[in-house]
Amino acid sequence: MKIPKKLQSVFWSADINKLDLEKDKNYIIHQIFSHGNLDDIKWVFDTFSRNEISNIFISTPYKDYRKSRFYFIKNHIINLKDKLINENRYVKNTPRDIR
């Protein structure tokens, strides 16, 4: 199975033709969760097992989520609301020094 061409915009820094579903699954799952739409997220669940998705989300933090997106994915998409996960390992912080 290949990554659909419609997902290229989610992987703006990579060529989807060079991504490997097995070797690059951590990047693929997190990139879609942090930047994709609901159809893209559905593709993740059609491509990978729920157990694999949960394990990757928990064991390989990816610091590129906005706070609201992190909690939406964690609590509602993956259903890990009862699991304590350190948001600082996922939520990107872009403080700006405006003086």
N, C-alpha and C. Protein backbone atom coordinates (compact mmCIF):
# COMPACT_ATOMS: atom_id res chain seq x y z
N MET A 1 0.85 -1.18 0.00
CA MET A 1 0.00 0.00 0.00
C MET A 1 0.89 1.24 0.00
N LYS A 2 0.47 2.21 -0.74
CA LYS A 2 1.21 3.47 -0.83
C LYS A 2 0.42 4.58 -0.14
N ILE A 3 1.11 5.64 0.16
CA ILE A 3 0.46 6.81 0.74
C ILE A 3 -0.25 7.54 -0.39
N PRO A 4 -1.53 7.85 -0.22
CA PRO A 4 -2.28 8.54 -1.28
C PRO A 4 -1.69 9.92 -1.60
N LYS A 5 -1.71 10.28 -2.86
CA LYS A 5 -1.16 11.56 -3.31
C LYS A 5 -1.83 12.74 -2.62
N LYS A 6 -3.10 12.59 -2.23
CA LYS A 6 -3.82 13.69 -1.57
C LYS A 6 -3.18 14.06 -0.23
N LEU A 7 -2.34 13.19 0.32
CA LEU A 7 -1.69 13.47 1.61
C LEU A 7 -0.37 14.21 1.46
N GLN A 8 0.08 14.47 0.23
CA GLN A 8 1.36 15.14 0.04
C GLN A 8 1.42 16.47 0.78
N SER A 9 0.32 17.21 0.84
CA SER A 9 0.34 18.51 1.52
C SER A 9 0.58 18.38 3.02
N VAL A 10 0.22 17.25 3.60
CA VAL A 10 0.48 17.02 5.02
C VAL A 10 1.97 16.75 5.25
N PHE A 11 2.61 16.18 4.26
CA PHE A 11 4.03 15.85 4.33
C PHE A 11 4.84 16.82 3.47
N TRP A 12 4.67 18.10 3.71
CA TRP A 12 5.27 19.13 2.86
C TRP A 12 6.79 19.05 2.79
N SER A 13 7.42 18.48 3.81
CA SER A 13 8.89 18.42 3.82
C SER A 13 9.42 17.07 3.35
N ALA A 14 8.55 16.20 2.88
CA ALA A 14 8.98 14.87 2.44
C ALA A 14 8.26 14.51 1.14
N ASP A 15 8.88 13.65 0.38
CA ASP A 15 8.28 13.11 -0.83
C ASP A 15 7.54 11.84 -0.44
N ILE A 16 6.22 11.82 -0.61
CA ILE A 16 5.44 10.65 -0.17
C ILE A 16 5.85 9.38 -0.92
N ASN A 17 6.42 9.53 -2.11
CA ASN A 17 6.86 8.36 -2.87
C ASN A 17 8.08 7.70 -2.21
N LYS A 18 8.76 8.42 -1.35
CA LYS A 18 9.95 7.88 -0.68
C LYS A 18 9.68 7.44 0.76
N LEU A 19 8.48 7.71 1.26
CA LEU A 19 8.14 7.29 2.62
C LEU A 19 7.76 5.81 2.62
N ASP A 20 8.23 5.11 3.61
CA ASP A 20 7.94 3.69 3.77
C ASP A 20 6.95 3.53 4.93
N LEU A 21 5.82 2.87 4.67
CA LEU A 21 4.79 2.74 5.71
C LEU A 21 5.29 2.07 6.97
N GLU A 22 6.23 1.18 6.85
CA GLU A 22 6.74 0.49 8.05
C GLU A 22 7.86 1.29 8.72
N LYS A 23 8.87 1.67 7.96
CA LYS A 23 10.02 2.37 8.55
C LYS A 23 9.68 3.78 9.01
N ASP A 24 8.74 4.43 8.36
CA ASP A 24 8.42 5.83 8.66
C ASP A 24 7.07 6.00 9.35
N LYS A 25 6.54 4.93 9.92
CA LYS A 25 5.19 5.01 10.49
C LYS A 25 5.07 5.99 11.65
N ASN A 26 6.11 6.15 12.46
CA ASN A 26 6.03 7.13 13.55
C ASN A 26 5.81 8.53 12.98
N TYR A 27 6.62 8.89 12.00
CA TYR A 27 6.50 10.20 11.35
C TYR A 27 5.15 10.33 10.66
N ILE A 28 4.74 9.32 9.94
CA ILE A 28 3.48 9.37 9.18
C ILE A 28 2.30 9.59 10.11
N ILE A 29 2.22 8.80 11.16
CA ILE A 29 1.08 8.89 12.10
C ILE A 29 1.06 10.25 12.79
N HIS A 30 2.17 10.67 13.36
CA HIS A 30 2.18 11.95 14.07
C HIS A 30 1.96 13.13 13.12
N GLN A 31 2.54 13.09 11.94
CA GLN A 31 2.38 14.20 11.01
C GLN A 31 0.91 14.36 10.60
N ILE A 32 0.25 13.25 10.36
CA ILE A 32 -1.18 13.31 10.01
C ILE A 32 -2.00 13.74 11.21
N PHE A 33 -1.70 13.22 12.39
CA PHE A 33 -2.45 13.62 13.58
C PHE A 33 -2.25 15.11 13.89
N SER A 34 -1.06 15.62 13.68
CA SER A 34 -0.82 17.02 14.03
C SER A 34 -1.22 18.00 12.93
N HIS A 35 -1.32 17.55 11.67
CA HIS A 35 -1.60 18.49 10.58
C HIS A 35 -2.70 18.06 9.61
N GLY A 36 -3.16 16.83 9.71
CA GLY A 36 -4.14 16.34 8.75
C GLY A 36 -5.58 16.68 9.14
N ASN A 37 -6.49 16.40 8.22
CA ASN A 37 -7.92 16.60 8.50
C ASN A 37 -8.53 15.25 8.91
N LEU A 38 -9.83 15.23 9.14
CA LEU A 38 -10.47 14.00 9.62
C LEU A 38 -10.39 12.86 8.61
N ASP A 39 -10.46 13.16 7.31
CA ASP A 39 -10.30 12.11 6.29
C ASP A 39 -8.89 11.52 6.35
N ASP A 40 -7.90 12.37 6.58
CA ASP A 40 -6.52 11.90 6.68
C ASP A 40 -6.36 11.00 7.90
N ILE A 41 -6.98 11.39 9.01
CA ILE A 41 -6.91 10.59 10.24
C ILE A 41 -7.60 9.25 10.03
N LYS A 42 -8.71 9.25 9.30
CA LYS A 42 -9.38 7.98 8.98
C LYS A 42 -8.45 7.07 8.20
N TRP A 43 -7.69 7.64 7.27
CA TRP A 43 -6.74 6.84 6.50
C TRP A 43 -5.71 6.17 7.43
N VAL A 44 -5.26 6.88 8.46
CA VAL A 44 -4.32 6.30 9.43
C VAL A 44 -4.94 5.06 10.06
N PHE A 45 -6.20 5.15 10.47
CA PHE A 45 -6.85 4.01 11.12
C PHE A 45 -7.17 2.88 10.13
N ASP A 46 -7.31 3.22 8.86
CA ASP A 46 -7.50 2.18 7.84
C ASP A 46 -6.18 1.49 7.49
N THR A 47 -5.07 2.16 7.77
CA THR A 47 -3.75 1.66 7.37
C THR A 47 -3.01 0.96 8.50
N PHE A 48 -3.16 1.45 9.72
CA PHE A 48 -2.46 0.89 10.88
C PHE A 48 -3.48 0.40 11.90
N SER A 49 -3.09 -0.56 12.72
CA SER A 49 -4.00 -1.07 13.75
C SER A 49 -4.14 -0.05 14.88
N ARG A 50 -5.26 -0.09 15.54
CA ARG A 50 -5.50 0.82 16.67
C ARG A 50 -4.44 0.65 17.74
N ASN A 51 -4.04 -0.58 18.01
CA ASN A 51 -3.01 -0.86 19.01
C ASN A 51 -1.68 -0.25 18.59
N GLU A 52 -1.32 -0.40 17.33
CA GLU A 52 -0.07 0.16 16.81
C GLU A 52 -0.08 1.69 16.91
N ILE A 53 -1.21 2.29 16.58
CA ILE A 53 -1.35 3.75 16.64
C ILE A 53 -1.18 4.23 18.08
N SER A 54 -1.85 3.60 19.01
CA SER A 54 -1.75 3.98 20.43
C SER A 54 -0.33 3.84 20.93
N ASN A 55 0.30 2.73 20.61
CA ASN A 55 1.67 2.49 21.06
C ASN A 55 2.64 3.53 20.50
N ILE A 56 2.49 3.87 19.25
CA ILE A 56 3.36 4.88 18.64
C ILE A 56 3.11 6.24 19.29
N PHE A 57 1.86 6.59 19.48
CA PHE A 57 1.53 7.89 20.08
C PHE A 57 2.15 8.00 21.48
N ILE A 58 2.06 6.95 22.25
CA ILE A 58 2.56 6.97 23.63
C ILE A 58 4.09 6.86 23.69
N SER A 59 4.66 5.98 22.91
CA SER A 59 6.08 5.66 23.07
C SER A 59 7.03 6.56 22.26
N THR A 60 6.53 7.26 21.26
CA THR A 60 7.40 8.12 20.45
C THR A 60 6.80 9.52 20.35
N PRO A 61 6.95 10.32 21.39
CA PRO A 61 6.40 11.68 21.37
C PRO A 61 6.92 12.47 20.16
N TYR A 62 6.09 13.36 19.69
CA TYR A 62 6.39 14.16 18.50
C TYR A 62 5.99 15.59 18.84
N LYS A 63 6.95 16.44 19.05
CA LYS A 63 6.68 17.79 19.56
C LYS A 63 6.31 18.74 18.42
N ASP A 64 5.10 18.54 17.89
CA ASP A 64 4.63 19.38 16.79
C ASP A 64 3.13 19.63 16.87
N TYR A 65 2.52 19.34 18.00
CA TYR A 65 1.08 19.52 18.16
C TYR A 65 0.77 20.87 18.79
N ARG A 66 -0.31 21.46 18.39
CA ARG A 66 -0.87 22.57 19.14
C ARG A 66 -1.62 21.93 20.32
N LYS A 67 -1.74 22.66 21.41
CA LYS A 67 -2.31 22.09 22.63
C LYS A 67 -3.71 21.51 22.41
N SER A 68 -4.58 22.27 21.76
CA SER A 68 -5.95 21.79 21.55
C SER A 68 -5.97 20.55 20.66
N ARG A 69 -5.09 20.51 19.67
CA ARG A 69 -5.02 19.37 18.75
C ARG A 69 -4.50 18.13 19.50
N PHE A 70 -3.50 18.31 20.34
CA PHE A 70 -2.96 17.21 21.14
C PHE A 70 -4.06 16.56 21.97
N TYR A 71 -4.83 17.37 22.69
CA TYR A 71 -5.88 16.81 23.55
C TYR A 71 -7.03 16.21 22.74
N PHE A 72 -7.33 16.77 21.59
CA PHE A 72 -8.36 16.19 20.73
C PHE A 72 -7.93 14.80 20.26
N ILE A 73 -6.69 14.69 19.78
CA ILE A 73 -6.19 13.40 19.31
C ILE A 73 -6.10 12.41 20.48
N LYS A 74 -5.48 12.84 21.57
CA LYS A 74 -5.28 11.96 22.73
C LYS A 74 -6.60 11.47 23.32
N ASN A 75 -7.51 12.39 23.59
CA ASN A 75 -8.72 12.05 24.33
C ASN A 75 -9.86 11.51 23.47
N HIS A 76 -9.98 11.99 22.24
CA HIS A 76 -11.15 11.63 21.44
C HIS A 76 -10.84 10.72 20.26
N ILE A 77 -9.71 10.92 19.62
CA ILE A 77 -9.38 10.09 18.47
C ILE A 77 -8.77 8.75 18.91
N ILE A 78 -7.80 8.81 19.80
CA ILE A 78 -7.15 7.57 20.26
C ILE A 78 -7.80 7.04 21.54
N ASN A 79 -8.56 7.88 22.21
CA ASN A 79 -9.27 7.49 23.44
C ASN A 79 -8.31 7.11 24.57
N LEU A 80 -7.39 8.03 24.86
CA LEU A 80 -6.43 7.83 25.96
C LEU A 80 -6.68 8.84 27.08
N LYS A 81 -7.93 9.25 27.26
CA LYS A 81 -8.21 10.30 28.25
C LYS A 81 -7.86 9.91 29.67
N ASP A 82 -7.84 8.62 29.97
CA ASP A 82 -7.49 8.17 31.32
C ASP A 82 -6.00 7.95 31.50
N LYS A 83 -5.24 8.12 30.46
CA LYS A 83 -3.79 7.90 30.50
C LYS A 83 -3.08 9.23 30.67
N LEU A 84 -2.19 9.29 31.66
CA LEU A 84 -1.41 10.51 31.87
C LEU A 84 -0.26 10.55 30.87
N ILE A 85 -0.28 11.56 30.04
CA ILE A 85 0.76 11.75 29.04
C ILE A 85 1.25 13.18 29.18
N ASN A 86 2.54 13.35 29.25
CA ASN A 86 3.13 14.67 29.45
C ASN A 86 2.99 15.51 28.17
N GLU A 87 2.13 16.50 28.22
CA GLU A 87 1.88 17.32 27.03
C GLU A 87 3.12 18.07 26.57
N ASN A 88 4.06 18.34 27.47
CA ASN A 88 5.27 19.07 27.10
C ASN A 88 6.13 18.31 26.09
N ARG A 89 5.92 17.02 25.99
CA ARG A 89 6.67 16.21 25.03
C ARG A 89 6.01 16.20 23.65
N TYR A 90 4.82 16.82 23.54
CA TYR A 90 4.05 16.81 22.29
C TYR A 90 3.71 18.22 21.79
N VAL A 91 3.41 19.10 22.71
CA VAL A 91 2.89 20.43 22.34
C VAL A 91 4.05 21.36 22.03
N LYS A 92 4.00 21.93 20.84
CA LYS A 92 5.07 22.86 20.46
C LYS A 92 4.83 24.19 21.14
N ASN A 93 5.89 24.75 21.59
CA ASN A 93 5.86 26.04 22.27
C ASN A 93 6.58 27.04 21.39
N THR A 94 5.93 28.09 21.05
CA THR A 94 6.60 29.11 20.24
C THR A 94 6.43 30.46 20.93
N PRO A 95 7.07 30.60 22.08
CA PRO A 95 6.95 31.89 22.77
C PRO A 95 7.61 32.99 21.94
N ARG A 96 7.00 34.12 21.95
CA ARG A 96 7.53 35.25 21.21
C ARG A 96 7.86 36.38 22.19
N ASP A 97 9.02 36.92 22.04
CA ASP A 97 9.45 38.01 22.89
C ASP A 97 9.08 39.32 22.18
N ILE A 98 7.95 39.86 22.57
CA ILE A 98 7.48 41.11 21.95
C ILE A 98 7.71 42.23 22.93
N ARG A 99 8.64 43.08 22.58
CA ARG A 99 8.95 44.21 23.48
C ARG A 99 8.91 45.51 22.72
